[in-house]
């Protein structure tokens, strides 16, 4: 079993999250207030504010644990053995054939039951 150190929360983490919320709110309000400005400038400002908010968020305990999880997920994705094109095509064809067969069976059963019920009801 792998033993991992749990990130210790700082007493300033709450303040950092407040800064993140304020920066995001400033971006939303600023984008609305400066709607008459060029889209390019507003997009650049939003990107800068998003980077600032991300930087502050990554300096919290939860942000560090999220970044660690992200790095571990990338490592796990590299370990995956992806199917070849031929395997993917064969599997897809099998699924399509099974879906068609089940669909036809359900259609037949529905028709049979519908015929039976209309015969009983009259």
PDB file of N, CA and C in Angstrom:
ATOM      1  N   UNK A   1       0.847  -1.176   0.000  1.00  0.00           N
ATOM      2  CA  UNK A   1       0.000   0.000   0.000  1.00  0.00           C
ATOM      3  C   UNK A   1       0.890   1.237   0.000  1.00  0.00           C
ATOM      4  N   UNK A   2       0.542   2.180  -0.833  1.00  0.00           N
ATOM      5  CA  UNK A   2       1.341   3.395  -0.956  1.00  0.00           C
ATOM      6  C   UNK A   2       0.877   4.388   0.108  1.00  0.00           C
ATOM      7  N   UNK A   3       1.832   4.863   0.854  1.00  0.00           N
ATOM      8  CA  UNK A   3       1.533   5.851   1.879  1.00  0.00           C
ATOM      9  C   UNK A   3       1.814   7.239   1.318  1.00  0.00           C
ATOM     10  N   UNK A   4       0.803   8.102   1.362  1.00  0.00           N
ATOM     11  CA  UNK A   4       0.960   9.446   0.822  1.00  0.00           C
ATOM     12  C   UNK A   4       0.750  10.461   1.926  1.00  0.00           C
ATOM     13  N   UNK A   5       1.492  11.525   1.819  1.00  0.00           N
ATOM     14  CA  UNK A   5       1.341  12.602   2.787  1.00  0.00           C
ATOM     15  C   UNK A   5       0.091  13.399   2.450  1.00  0.00           C
ATOM     16  N   UNK A   6      -0.720  13.638   3.446  1.00  0.00           N
ATOM     17  CA  UNK A   6      -1.932  14.420   3.260  1.00  0.00           C
ATOM     18  C   UNK A   6      -1.549  15.893   3.379  1.00  0.00           C
ATOM     19  N   UNK A   7      -1.943  16.710   2.383  1.00  0.00           N
ATOM     20  CA  UNK A   7      -1.598  18.128   2.462  1.00  0.00           C
ATOM     21  C   UNK A   7      -2.236  18.779   3.690  1.00  0.00           C
ATOM     22  N   UNK A   8      -1.453  19.529   4.395  1.00  0.00           N
ATOM     23  CA  UNK A   8      -1.930  20.193   5.600  1.00  0.00           C
ATOM     24  C   UNK A   8      -2.507  21.551   5.198  1.00  0.00           C
ATOM     25  N   UNK A   9      -3.720  21.793   5.657  1.00  0.00           N
ATOM     26  CA  UNK A   9      -4.353  23.063   5.321  1.00  0.00           C
ATOM     27  C   UNK A   9      -3.717  24.195   6.114  1.00  0.00           C
ATOM     28  N   UNK A  10      -3.456  25.261   5.407  1.00  0.00           N
ATOM     29  CA  UNK A  10      -2.912  26.452   6.043  1.00  0.00           C
ATOM     30  C   UNK A  10      -4.061  27.264   6.628  1.00  0.00           C
ATOM     31  N   UNK A  11      -3.744  28.104   7.589  1.00  0.00           N
ATOM     32  CA  UNK A  11      -4.799  28.950   8.153  1.00  0.00           C
ATOM     33  C   UNK A  11      -5.218  30.034   7.169  1.00  0.00           C
ATOM     34  N   UNK A  12      -4.429  30.210   6.096  1.00  0.00           N
ATOM     35  CA  UNK A  12      -4.756  31.222   5.101  1.00  0.00           C
ATOM     36  C   UNK A  12      -5.514  30.635   3.905  1.00  0.00           C
ATOM     37  N   UNK A  13      -5.831  29.325   3.937  1.00  0.00           N
ATOM     38  CA  UNK A  13      -6.531  28.714   2.806  1.00  0.00           C
ATOM     39  C   UNK A  13      -7.899  29.352   2.578  1.00  0.00           C
ATOM     40  N   UNK A  14      -8.613  29.644   3.627  1.00  0.00           N
ATOM     41  CA  UNK A  14      -9.916  30.296   3.486  1.00  0.00           C
ATOM     42  C   UNK A  14      -9.792  31.651   2.825  1.00  0.00           C
ATOM     43  N   UNK A  15      -8.764  32.394   3.216  1.00  0.00           N
ATOM     44  CA  UNK A  15      -8.521  33.702   2.618  1.00  0.00           C
ATOM     45  C   UNK A  15      -8.152  33.561   1.137  1.00  0.00           C
ATOM     46  N   UNK A  16      -7.362  32.546   0.832  1.00  0.00           N
ATOM     47  CA  UNK A  16      -6.985  32.320  -0.567  1.00  0.00           C
ATOM     48  C   UNK A  16      -8.204  31.982  -1.411  1.00  0.00           C
ATOM     49  N   UNK A  17      -9.120  31.151  -0.883  1.00  0.00           N
ATOM     50  CA  UNK A  17     -10.327  30.822  -1.634  1.00  0.00           C
ATOM     51  C   UNK A  17     -11.218  32.049  -1.800  1.00  0.00           C
ATOM     52  N   UNK A  18     -11.221  32.917  -0.808  1.00  0.00           N
ATOM     53  CA  UNK A  18     -11.971  34.163  -0.934  1.00  0.00           C
ATOM     54  C   UNK A  18     -11.389  35.013  -2.054  1.00  0.00           C
ATOM     55  N   UNK A  19     -10.055  35.069  -2.144  1.00  0.00           N
ATOM     56  CA  UNK A  19      -9.411  35.808  -3.234  1.00  0.00           C
ATOM     57  C   UNK A  19      -9.788  35.199  -4.586  1.00  0.00           C
ATOM     58  N   UNK A  20      -9.810  33.869  -4.661  1.00  0.00           N
ATOM     59  CA  UNK A  20     -10.194  33.204  -5.920  1.00  0.00           C
ATOM     60  C   UNK A  20     -11.613  33.605  -6.306  1.00  0.00           C
ATOM     61  N   UNK A  21     -12.538  33.555  -5.351  1.00  0.00           N
ATOM     62  CA  UNK A  21     -13.929  33.920  -5.639  1.00  0.00           C
ATOM     63  C   UNK A  21     -14.023  35.377  -6.072  1.00  0.00           C
ATOM     64  N   UNK A  22     -13.288  36.256  -5.399  1.00  0.00           N
ATOM     65  CA  UNK A  22     -13.321  37.672  -5.766  1.00  0.00           C
ATOM     66  C   UNK A  22     -12.736  37.918  -7.152  1.00  0.00           C
ATOM     67  N   UNK A  23     -11.669  37.205  -7.501  1.00  0.00           N
ATOM     68  CA  UNK A  23     -11.065  37.372  -8.825  1.00  0.00           C
ATOM     69  C   UNK A  23     -12.030  36.880  -9.903  1.00  0.00           C
ATOM     70  N   UNK A  24     -12.672  35.752  -9.671  1.00  0.00           N
ATOM     71  CA  UNK A  24     -13.649  35.245 -10.639  1.00  0.00           C
ATOM     72  C   UNK A  24     -14.829  36.205 -10.751  1.00  0.00           C
ATOM     73  N   UNK A  25     -15.314  36.699  -9.623  1.00  0.00           N
ATOM     74  CA  UNK A  25     -16.418  37.664  -9.647  1.00  0.00           C
ATOM     75  C   UNK A  25     -16.009  38.938 -10.380  1.00  0.00           C
ATOM     76  N   UNK A  26     -14.773  39.385 -10.168  1.00  0.00           N
ATOM     77  CA  UNK A  26     -14.287  40.572 -10.882  1.00  0.00           C
ATOM     78  C   UNK A  26     -14.266  40.323 -12.385  1.00  0.00           C
ATOM     79  N   UNK A  27     -13.904  39.123 -12.791  1.00  0.00           N
ATOM     80  CA  UNK A  27     -13.915  38.791 -14.210  1.00  0.00           C
ATOM     81  C   UNK A  27     -15.311  38.816 -14.799  1.00  0.00           C
ATOM     82  N   UNK A  28     -16.271  38.247 -14.063  1.00  0.00           N
ATOM     83  CA  UNK A  28     -17.652  38.221 -14.556  1.00  0.00           C
ATOM     84  C   UNK A  28     -18.219  39.631 -14.632  1.00  0.00           C
ATOM     85  N   UNK A  29     -18.060  40.392 -13.561  1.00  0.00           N
ATOM     86  CA  UNK A  29     -18.597  41.753 -13.527  1.00  0.00           C
ATOM     87  C   UNK A  29     -17.865  42.640 -14.538  1.00  0.00           C
ATOM     88  N   UNK A  30     -16.535  42.501 -14.600  1.00  0.00           N
ATOM     89  CA  UNK A  30     -15.764  43.314 -15.541  1.00  0.00           C
ATOM     90  C   UNK A  30     -16.141  43.023 -16.980  1.00  0.00           C
ATOM     91  N   UNK A  31     -16.386  41.765 -17.300  1.00  0.00           N
ATOM     92  CA  UNK A  31     -16.789  41.412 -18.662  1.00  0.00           C
ATOM     93  C   UNK A  31     -18.136  42.039 -18.998  1.00  0.00           C
ATOM     94  N   UNK A  32     -19.021  42.110 -18.012  1.00  0.00           N
ATOM     95  CA  UNK A  32     -20.329  42.718 -18.239  1.00  0.00           C
ATOM     96  C   UNK A  32     -20.220  44.242 -18.334  1.00  0.00           C
ATOM     97  N   UNK A  33     -19.435  44.840 -17.448  1.00  0.00           N
ATOM     98  CA  UNK A  33     -19.317  46.300 -17.424  1.00  0.00           C
ATOM     99  C   UNK A  33     -18.621  46.803 -18.687  1.00  0.00           C
ATOM    100  N   UNK A  34     -17.594  46.101 -19.120  1.00  0.00           N
ATOM    101  CA  UNK A  34     -16.829  46.543 -20.283  1.00  0.00           C
ATOM    102  C   UNK A  34     -17.279  45.834 -21.561  1.00  0.00           C
ATOM    103  N   UNK A  35     -18.574  45.554 -21.675  1.00  0.00           N
ATOM    104  CA  UNK A  35     -19.080  44.851 -22.852  1.00  0.00           C
ATOM    105  C   UNK A  35     -18.943  45.676 -24.127  1.00  0.00           C
ATOM    106  N   UNK A  36     -18.765  46.994 -23.990  1.00  0.00           N
ATOM    107  CA  UNK A  36     -18.595  47.831 -25.178  1.00  0.00           C
ATOM    108  C   UNK A  36     -17.152  47.807 -25.700  1.00  0.00           C
ATOM    109  N   UNK A  37     -16.238  47.234 -24.947  1.00  0.00           N
ATOM    110  CA  UNK A  37     -14.841  47.134 -25.374  1.00  0.00           C
ATOM    111  C   UNK A  37     -14.670  45.963 -26.337  1.00  0.00           C
ATOM    112  N   UNK A  38     -13.512  45.915 -26.956  1.00  0.00           N
ATOM    113  CA  UNK A  38     -13.213  44.867 -27.920  1.00  0.00           C
ATOM    114  C   UNK A  38     -13.235  43.489 -27.247  1.00  0.00           C
ATOM    115  N   UNK A  39     -13.744  42.516 -27.976  1.00  0.00           N
ATOM    116  CA  UNK A  39     -13.802  41.152 -27.463  1.00  0.00           C
ATOM    117  C   UNK A  39     -12.400  40.625 -27.167  1.00  0.00           C
ATOM    118  N   UNK A  40     -11.434  40.991 -27.974  1.00  0.00           N
ATOM    119  CA  UNK A  40     -10.055  40.538 -27.774  1.00  0.00           C
ATOM    120  C   UNK A  40      -9.525  40.971 -26.414  1.00  0.00           C
ATOM    121  N   UNK A  41      -9.726  42.250 -26.074  1.00  0.00           N
ATOM    122  CA  UNK A  41      -9.223  42.751 -24.794  1.00  0.00           C
ATOM    123  C   UNK A  41      -9.940  42.097 -23.613  1.00  0.00           C
ATOM    124  N   UNK A  42     -11.236  41.899 -23.756  1.00  0.00           N
ATOM    125  CA  UNK A  42     -11.974  41.239 -22.675  1.00  0.00           C
ATOM    126  C   UNK A  42     -11.523  39.795 -22.514  1.00  0.00           C
ATOM    127  N   UNK A  43     -11.258  39.110 -23.635  1.00  0.00           N
ATOM    128  CA  UNK A  43     -10.798  37.719 -23.563  1.00  0.00           C
ATOM    129  C   UNK A  43      -9.427  37.638 -22.911  1.00  0.00           C
ATOM    130  N   UNK A  44      -8.533  38.562 -23.272  1.00  0.00           N
ATOM    131  CA  UNK A  44      -7.198  38.579 -22.661  1.00  0.00           C
ATOM    132  C   UNK A  44      -7.305  38.832 -21.165  1.00  0.00           C
ATOM    133  N   UNK A  45      -8.166  39.771 -20.783  1.00  0.00           N
ATOM    134  CA  UNK A  45      -8.341  40.070 -19.360  1.00  0.00           C
ATOM    135  C   UNK A  45      -8.910  38.859 -18.611  1.00  0.00           C
ATOM    136  N   UNK A  46      -9.872  38.171 -19.219  1.00  0.00           N
ATOM    137  CA  UNK A  46     -10.438  36.987 -18.572  1.00  0.00           C
ATOM    138  C   UNK A  46      -9.409  35.872 -18.447  1.00  0.00           C
ATOM    139  N   UNK A  47      -8.560  35.710 -19.452  1.00  0.00           N
ATOM    140  CA  UNK A  47      -7.514  34.687 -19.380  1.00  0.00           C
ATOM    141  C   UNK A  47      -6.524  35.018 -18.267  1.00  0.00           C
ATOM    142  N   UNK A  48      -6.137  36.277 -18.174  1.00  0.00           N
ATOM    143  CA  UNK A  48      -5.204  36.689 -17.115  1.00  0.00           C
ATOM    144  C   UNK A  48      -5.833  36.464 -15.746  1.00  0.00           C
ATOM    145  N   UNK A  49      -7.109  36.828 -15.585  1.00  0.00           N
ATOM    146  CA  UNK A  49      -7.775  36.633 -14.296  1.00  0.00           C
ATOM    147  C   UNK A  49      -7.939  35.151 -13.979  1.00  0.00           C
ATOM    148  N   UNK A  50      -8.212  34.335 -15.001  1.00  0.00           N
ATOM    149  CA  UNK A  50      -8.336  32.891 -14.768  1.00  0.00           C
ATOM    150  C   UNK A  50      -7.001  32.302 -14.340  1.00  0.00           C
ATOM    151  N   UNK A  51      -5.920  32.739 -14.973  1.00  0.00           N
ATOM    152  CA  UNK A  51      -4.592  32.254 -14.573  1.00  0.00           C
ATOM    153  C   UNK A  51      -4.264  32.674 -13.138  1.00  0.00           C
ATOM    154  N   UNK A  52      -4.607  33.913 -12.792  1.00  0.00           N
ATOM    155  CA  UNK A  52      -4.369  34.396 -11.430  1.00  0.00           C
ATOM    156  C   UNK A  52      -5.186  33.582 -10.419  1.00  0.00           C
ATOM    157  N   UNK A  53      -6.460  33.354 -10.724  1.00  0.00           N
ATOM    158  CA  UNK A  53      -7.308  32.569  -9.821  1.00  0.00           C
ATOM    159  C   UNK A  53      -6.793  31.135  -9.707  1.00  0.00           C
ATOM    160  N   UNK A  54      -6.362  30.563 -10.828  1.00  0.00           N
ATOM    161  CA  UNK A  54      -5.817  29.205 -10.795  1.00  0.00           C
ATOM    162  C   UNK A  54      -4.545  29.125  -9.976  1.00  0.00           C
ATOM    163  N   UNK A  55      -3.681  30.126 -10.125  1.00  0.00           N
ATOM    164  CA  UNK A  55      -2.428  30.149  -9.355  1.00  0.00           C
ATOM    165  C   UNK A  55      -2.716  30.227  -7.860  1.00  0.00           C
ATOM    166  N   UNK A  56      -3.638  31.082  -7.477  1.00  0.00           N
ATOM    167  CA  UNK A  56      -3.964  31.214  -6.047  1.00  0.00           C
ATOM    168  C   UNK A  56      -4.618  29.928  -5.543  1.00  0.00           C
ATOM    169  N   UNK A  57      -5.515  29.329  -6.358  1.00  0.00           N
ATOM    170  CA  UNK A  57      -6.191  28.103  -5.933  1.00  0.00           C
ATOM    171  C   UNK A  57      -5.209  26.950  -5.789  1.00  0.00           C
ATOM    172  N   UNK A  58      -4.198  26.883  -6.665  1.00  0.00           N
ATOM    173  CA  UNK A  58      -3.224  25.801  -6.574  1.00  0.00           C
ATOM    174  C   UNK A  58      -2.305  25.936  -5.365  1.00  0.00           C
ATOM    175  N   UNK A  59      -2.299  27.080  -4.737  1.00  0.00           N
ATOM    176  CA  UNK A  59      -1.486  27.281  -3.539  1.00  0.00           C
ATOM    177  C   UNK A  59      -2.237  26.946  -2.260  1.00  0.00           C
ATOM    178  N   UNK A  60      -3.426  26.338  -2.394  1.00  0.00           N
ATOM    179  CA  UNK A  60      -4.155  25.873  -1.222  1.00  0.00           C
ATOM    180  C   UNK A  60      -3.958  24.361  -1.095  1.00  0.00           C
ATOM    181  N   UNK A  61      -4.348  23.804   0.019  1.00  0.00           N
ATOM    182  CA  UNK A  61      -4.195  22.359   0.235  1.00  0.00           C
ATOM    183  C   UNK A  61      -5.041  21.572  -0.759  1.00  0.00           C
ATOM    184  N   UNK A  62      -6.278  21.997  -0.961  1.00  0.00           N
ATOM    185  CA  UNK A  62      -7.148  21.306  -1.921  1.00  0.00           C
ATOM    186  C   UNK A  62      -6.627  21.477  -3.340  1.00  0.00           C
ATOM    187  N   UNK A  63      -6.085  22.626  -3.652  1.00  0.00           N
ATOM    188  CA  UNK A  63      -5.522  22.853  -4.978  1.00  0.00           C
ATOM    189  C   UNK A  63      -4.320  21.956  -5.236  1.00  0.00           C
ATOM    190  N   UNK A  64      -3.464  21.802  -4.226  1.00  0.00           N
ATOM    191  CA  UNK A  64      -2.298  20.918  -4.376  1.00  0.00           C
ATOM    192  C   UNK A  64      -2.730  19.465  -4.532  1.00  0.00           C
ATOM    193  N   UNK A  65      -3.745  19.062  -3.770  1.00  0.00           N
ATOM    194  CA  UNK A  65      -4.209  17.676  -3.895  1.00  0.00           C
ATOM    195  C   UNK A  65      -4.877  17.452  -5.252  1.00  0.00           C
ATOM    196  N   UNK A  66      -5.580  18.454  -5.781  1.00  0.00           N
ATOM    197  CA  UNK A  66      -6.167  18.334  -7.118  1.00  0.00           C
ATOM    198  C   UNK A  66      -5.071  18.212  -8.173  1.00  0.00           C
ATOM    199  N   UNK A  67      -4.032  19.019  -8.058  1.00  0.00           N
ATOM    200  CA  UNK A  67      -2.944  18.965  -9.029  1.00  0.00           C
ATOM    201  C   UNK A  67      -2.231  17.617  -8.948  1.00  0.00           C
ATOM    202  N   UNK A  68      -2.068  17.094  -7.745  1.00  0.00           N
ATOM    203  CA  UNK A  68      -1.461  15.775  -7.571  1.00  0.00           C
ATOM    204  C   UNK A  68      -2.332  14.693  -8.220  1.00  0.00           C
ATOM    205  N   UNK A  69      -3.636  14.780  -8.027  1.00  0.00           N
ATOM    206  CA  UNK A  69      -4.558  13.836  -8.655  1.00  0.00           C
ATOM    207  C   UNK A  69      -4.465  13.933 -10.172  1.00  0.00           C
ATOM    208  N   UNK A  70      -4.364  15.135 -10.697  1.00  0.00           N
ATOM    209  CA  UNK A  70      -4.244  15.350 -12.142  1.00  0.00           C
ATOM    210  C   UNK A  70      -2.974  14.701 -12.685  1.00  0.00           C
ATOM    211  N   UNK A  71      -1.860  14.865 -11.982  1.00  0.00           N
ATOM    212  CA  UNK A  71      -0.603  14.257 -12.433  1.00  0.00           C
ATOM    213  C   UNK A  71      -0.684  12.738 -12.389  1.00  0.00           C
ATOM    214  N   UNK A  72      -1.303  12.185 -11.344  1.00  0.00           N
ATOM    215  CA  UNK A  72      -1.451  10.734 -11.237  1.00  0.00           C
ATOM    216  C   UNK A  72      -2.357  10.196 -12.338  1.00  0.00           C
ATOM    217  N   UNK A  73      -3.398  10.944 -12.691  1.00  0.00           N
ATOM    218  CA  UNK A  73      -4.302  10.520 -13.763  1.00  0.00           C
ATOM    219  C   UNK A  73      -3.563  10.489 -15.099  1.00  0.00           C
ATOM    220  N   UNK A  74      -2.715  11.489 -15.334  1.00  0.00           N
ATOM    221  CA  UNK A  74      -1.921  11.483 -16.575  1.00  0.00           C
ATOM    222  C   UNK A  74      -1.009  10.269 -16.629  1.00  0.00           C
ATOM    223  N   UNK A  75      -0.412   9.916 -15.489  1.00  0.00           N
ATOM    224  CA  UNK A  75       0.465   8.743 -15.431  1.00  0.00           C
ATOM    225  C   UNK A  75      -0.334   7.477 -15.715  1.00  0.00           C
ATOM    226  N   UNK A  76      -1.523   7.364 -15.159  1.00  0.00           N
ATOM    227  CA  UNK A  76      -2.354   6.183 -15.383  1.00  0.00           C
ATOM    228  C   UNK A  76      -2.810   6.086 -16.834  1.00  0.00           C
ATOM    229  N   UNK A  77      -3.098   7.215 -17.461  1.00  0.00           N
ATOM    230  CA  UNK A  77      -3.524   7.198 -18.861  1.00  0.00           C
ATOM    231  C   UNK A  77      -2.406   6.668 -19.750  1.00  0.00           C
ATOM    232  N   UNK A  78      -1.175   6.984 -19.404  1.00  0.00           N
ATOM    233  CA  UNK A  78      -0.044   6.472 -20.196  1.00  0.00           C
ATOM    234  C   UNK A  78       0.076   4.959 -20.088  1.00  0.00           C
ATOM    235  N   UNK A  79      -0.423   4.360 -19.003  1.00  0.00           N
ATOM    236  CA  UNK A  79      -0.328   2.917 -18.791  1.00  0.00           C
ATOM    237  C   UNK A  79      -1.419   2.145 -19.533  1.00  0.00           C
ATOM    238  N   UNK A  80      -2.442   2.843 -20.020  1.00  0.00           N
ATOM    239  CA  UNK A  80      -3.561   2.172 -20.670  1.00  0.00           C
ATOM    240  C   UNK A  80      -3.111   1.602 -22.009  1.00  0.00           C
ATOM    241  N   UNK A  81      -3.538   0.364 -22.281  1.00  0.00           N
ATOM    242  CA  UNK A  81      -3.271  -0.252 -23.572  1.00  0.00           C
ATOM    243  C   UNK A  81      -4.508  -0.002 -24.431  1.00  0.00           C
ATOM    244  N   UNK A  82      -4.383   0.925 -25.376  1.00  0.00           N
ATOM    245  CA  UNK A  82      -5.504   1.304 -26.205  1.00  0.00           C
ATOM    246  C   UNK A  82      -5.705   0.277 -27.310  1.00  0.00           C
ATOM    247  N   UNK A  83      -6.952   0.009 -27.701  1.00  0.00           N
ATOM    248  CA  UNK A  83      -7.206  -0.969 -28.766  1.00  0.00           C
ATOM    249  C   UNK A  83      -6.759  -0.424 -30.121  1.00  0.00           C
ATOM    250  N   UNK A  84      -6.432  -1.366 -31.006  1.00  0.00           N
ATOM    251  CA  UNK A  84      -6.050  -0.963 -32.355  1.00  0.00           C
ATOM    252  C   UNK A  84      -7.305  -0.551 -33.127  1.00  0.00           C
ATOM    253  N   UNK A  85      -7.086  -0.005 -34.300  1.00  0.00           N
ATOM    254  CA  UNK A  85      -8.217   0.417 -35.134  1.00  0.00           C
ATOM    255  C   UNK A  85      -9.090  -0.787 -35.497  1.00  0.00           C
ATOM    256  N   UNK A  86      -8.450  -1.911 -35.825  1.00  0.00           N
ATOM    257  CA  UNK A  86      -9.194  -3.113 -36.204  1.00  0.00           C
ATOM    258  C   UNK A  86     -10.010  -3.641 -35.025  1.00  0.00           C
ATOM    259  N   UNK A  87      -9.442  -3.659 -33.825  1.00  0.00           N
ATOM    260  CA  UNK A  87     -10.172  -4.122 -32.641  1.00  0.00           C
ATOM    261  C   UNK A  87     -11.372  -3.216 -32.360  1.00  0.00           C
ATOM    262  N   UNK A  88     -11.173  -1.922 -32.514  1.00  0.00           N
ATOM    263  CA  UNK A  88     -12.262  -0.973 -32.282  1.00  0.00           C
ATOM    264  C   UNK A  88     -13.375  -1.182 -33.297  1.00  0.00           C
ATOM    265  N   UNK A  89     -13.007  -1.364 -34.568  1.00  0.00           N
ATOM    266  CA  UNK A  89     -13.993  -1.580 -35.617  1.00  0.00           C
ATOM    267  C   UNK A  89     -14.772  -2.879 -35.380  1.00  0.00           C
ATOM    268  N   UNK A  90     -14.070  -3.949 -35.020  1.00  0.00           N
ATOM    269  CA  UNK A  90     -14.742  -5.233 -34.768  1.00  0.00           C
ATOM    270  C   UNK A  90     -15.697  -5.138 -33.582  1.00  0.00           C
ATOM    271  N   UNK A  91     -15.259  -4.508 -32.528  1.00  0.00           N
ATOM    272  CA  UNK A  91     -16.109  -4.367 -31.344  1.00  0.00           C
ATOM    273  C   UNK A  91     -17.337  -3.516 -31.665  1.00  0.00           C
ATOM    274  N   UNK A  92     -17.141  -2.443 -32.414  1.00  0.00           N
ATOM    275  CA  UNK A  92     -18.258  -1.579 -32.787  1.00  0.00           C
ATOM    276  C   UNK A  92     -19.266  -2.345 -33.641  1.00  0.00           C
ATOM    277  N   UNK A  93     -18.761  -3.123 -34.589  1.00  0.00           N
ATOM    278  CA  UNK A  93     -19.666  -3.909 -35.439  1.00  0.00           C
ATOM    279  C   UNK A  93     -20.438  -4.938 -34.617  1.00  0.00           C
ATOM    280  N   UNK A  94     -19.774  -5.568 -33.657  1.00  0.00           N
ATOM    281  CA  UNK A  94     -20.472  -6.534 -32.798  1.00  0.00           C
ATOM    282  C   UNK A  94     -21.583  -5.848 -32.006  1.00  0.00           C
ATOM    283  N   UNK A  95     -21.302  -4.681 -31.491  1.00  0.00           N
ATOM    284  CA  UNK A  95     -22.309  -3.953 -30.711  1.00  0.00           C
ATOM    285  C   UNK A  95     -23.482  -3.571 -31.603  1.00  0.00           C
ATOM    286  N   UNK A  96     -23.208  -3.094 -32.816  1.00  0.00           N
ATOM    287  CA  UNK A  96     -24.276  -2.702 -33.736  1.00  0.00           C
ATOM    288  C   UNK A  96     -25.147  -3.914 -34.086  1.00  0.00           C
ATOM    289  N   UNK A  97     -24.531  -5.062 -34.375  1.00  0.00           N
ATOM    290  CA  UNK A  97     -25.285  -6.264 -34.719  1.00  0.00           C
ATOM    291  C   UNK A  97     -26.150  -6.710 -33.543  1.00  0.00           C
ATOM    292  N   UNK A  98     -25.600  -6.727 -32.342  1.00  0.00           N
ATOM    293  CA  UNK A  98     -26.377  -7.140 -31.166  1.00  0.00           C
ATOM    294  C   UNK A  98     -27.533  -6.175 -30.924  1.00  0.00           C
ATOM    295  N   UNK A  99     -27.302  -4.883 -31.081  1.00  0.00           N
ATOM    296  CA  UNK A  99     -28.370  -3.902 -30.892  1.00  0.00           C
ATOM    297  C   UNK A  99     -29.472  -4.122 -31.926  1.00  0.00           C
ATOM    298  N   UNK A 100     -29.107  -4.377 -33.172  1.00  0.00           N
ATOM    299  CA  UNK A 100     -30.112  -4.641 -34.204  1.00  0.00           C
ATOM    300  C   UNK A 100     -30.913  -5.903 -33.890  1.00  0.00           C
ATOM    301  N   UNK A 101     -30.243  -6.971 -33.474  1.00  0.00           N
ATOM    302  CA  UNK A 101     -30.932  -8.220 -33.150  1.00  0.00           C
ATOM    303  C   UNK A 101     -31.893  -8.023 -31.979  1.00  0.00           C
ATOM    304  N   UNK A 102     -31.433  -7.387 -30.929  1.00  0.00           N
ATOM    305  CA  UNK A 102     -32.296  -7.147 -29.766  1.00  0.00           C
ATOM    306  C   UNK A 102     -33.450  -6.233 -30.154  1.00  0.00           C
ATOM    307  N   UNK A 103     -33.171  -5.223 -30.985  1.00  0.00           N
ATOM    308  CA  UNK A 103     -34.234  -4.329 -31.444  1.00  0.00           C
ATOM    309  C   UNK A 103     -35.298  -5.074 -32.229  1.00  0.00           C
ATOM    310  N   UNK A 104     -34.871  -5.974 -33.123  1.00  0.00           N
ATOM    311  CA  UNK A 104     -35.828  -6.767 -33.890  1.00  0.00           C
ATOM    312  C   UNK A 104     -36.627  -7.701 -32.981  1.00  0.00           C
ATOM    313  N   UNK A 105     -35.965  -8.317 -32.007  1.00  0.00           N
ATOM    314  CA  UNK A 105     -36.673  -9.185 -31.062  1.00  0.00           C
ATOM    315  C   UNK A 105     -37.721  -8.398 -30.262  1.00  0.00           C
ATOM    316  N   UNK A 106     -37.346  -7.222 -29.795  1.00  0.00           N
ATOM    317  CA  UNK A 106     -38.296  -6.409 -29.031  1.00  0.00           C
ATOM    318  C   UNK A 106     -39.444  -5.932 -29.913  1.00  0.00           C
ATOM    319  N   UNK A 107     -39.143  -5.573 -31.166  1.00  0.00           N
ATOM    320  CA  UNK A 107     -40.198  -5.166 -32.095  1.00  0.00           C
ATOM    321  C   UNK A 107     -41.166  -6.325 -32.337  1.00  0.00           C
ATOM    322  N   UNK A 108     -40.608  -7.518 -32.546  1.00  0.00           N
ATOM    323  CA  UNK A 108     -41.453  -8.689 -32.761  1.00  0.00           C
ATOM    324  C   UNK A 108     -42.299  -9.004 -31.543  1.00  0.00           C
ATOM    325  N   UNK A 109     -41.711  -8.946 -30.363  1.00  0.00           N
ATOM    326  CA  UNK A 109     -42.451  -9.208 -29.129  1.00  0.00           C
ATOM    327  C   UNK A 109     -43.549  -8.165 -28.931  1.00  0.00           C
ATOM    328  N   UNK A 110     -43.240  -6.915 -29.201  1.00  0.00           N
ATOM    329  CA  UNK A 110     -44.222  -5.846 -29.064  1.00  0.00           C
ATOM    330  C   UNK A 110     -45.367  -6.055 -30.047  1.00  0.00           C
ATOM    331  N   UNK A 111     -45.041  -6.415 -31.282  1.00  0.00           N
ATOM    332  CA  UNK A 111     -46.083  -6.662 -32.283  1.00  0.00           C
ATOM    333  C   UNK A 111     -46.950  -7.843 -31.878  1.00  0.00           C
ATOM    334  N   UNK A 112     -46.332  -8.907 -31.412  1.00  0.00           N
ATOM    335  CA  UNK A 112     -47.063 -10.098 -30.998  1.00  0.00           C
ATOM    336  C   UNK A 112     -47.987  -9.788 -29.819  1.00  0.00           C
ATOM    337  N   UNK A 113     -47.462  -9.092 -28.821  1.00  0.00           N
ATOM    338  CA  UNK A 113     -48.285  -8.740 -27.663  1.00  0.00           C
ATOM    339  C   UNK A 113     -49.391  -7.766 -28.050  1.00  0.00           C
ATOM    340  N   UNK A 114     -49.093  -6.824 -28.940  1.00  0.00           N
ATOM    341  CA  UNK A 114     -50.120  -5.894 -29.420  1.00  0.00           C
ATOM    342  C   UNK A 114     -51.230  -6.630 -30.157  1.00  0.00           C
ATOM    343  N   UNK A 115     -50.848  -7.589 -30.985  1.00  0.00           N
ATOM    344  CA  UNK A 115     -51.842  -8.386 -31.720  1.00  0.00           C
ATOM    345  C   UNK A 115     -52.692  -9.203 -30.743  1.00  0.00           C
ATOM    346  N   UNK A 116     -52.033  -9.778 -29.731  1.00  0.00           N
ATOM    347  CA  UNK A 116     -52.732 -10.590 -28.738  1.00  0.00           C
ATOM    348  C   UNK A 116     -53.721  -9.748 -27.934  1.00  0.00           C
ATOM    349  N   UNK A 117     -53.287  -8.576 -27.485  1.00  0.00           N
ATOM    350  CA  UNK A 117     -54.153  -7.698 -26.673  1.00  0.00           C
ATOM    351  C   UNK A 117     -55.314  -7.195 -27.509  1.00  0.00           C
ATOM    352  N   UNK A 118     -55.093  -6.814 -28.768  1.00  0.00           N
ATOM    353  CA  UNK A 118     -56.212  -6.352 -29.589  1.00  0.00           C
ATOM    354  C   UNK A 118     -57.166  -7.490 -29.902  1.00  0.00           C
ATOM    355  N   UNK A 119     -56.663  -8.737 -29.952  1.00  0.00           N
ATOM    356  CA  UNK A 119     -57.560  -9.867 -30.141  1.00  0.00           C
ATOM    357  C   UNK A 119     -58.412 -10.115 -28.910  1.00  0.00           C
ATOM    358  N   UNK A 120     -57.837  -9.907 -27.724  1.00  0.00           N
ATOM    359  CA  UNK A 120     -58.572 -10.117 -26.487  1.00  0.00           C
ATOM    360  C   UNK A 120     -59.592  -8.992 -26.271  1.00  0.00           C
ATOM    361  N   UNK A 121     -59.174  -7.760 -26.527  1.00  0.00           N
ATOM    362  CA  UNK A 121     -60.048  -6.608 -26.293  1.00  0.00           C
ATOM    363  C   UNK A 121     -61.149  -6.557 -27.353  1.00  0.00           C
ATOM    364  N   UNK A 122     -60.834  -6.914 -28.571  1.00  0.00           N
ATOM    365  CA  UNK A 122     -61.833  -7.011 -29.610  1.00  0.00           C
ATOM    366  C   UNK A 122     -61.823  -5.860 -30.480  1.00  0.00           C
TER     367      UNK A 122
END
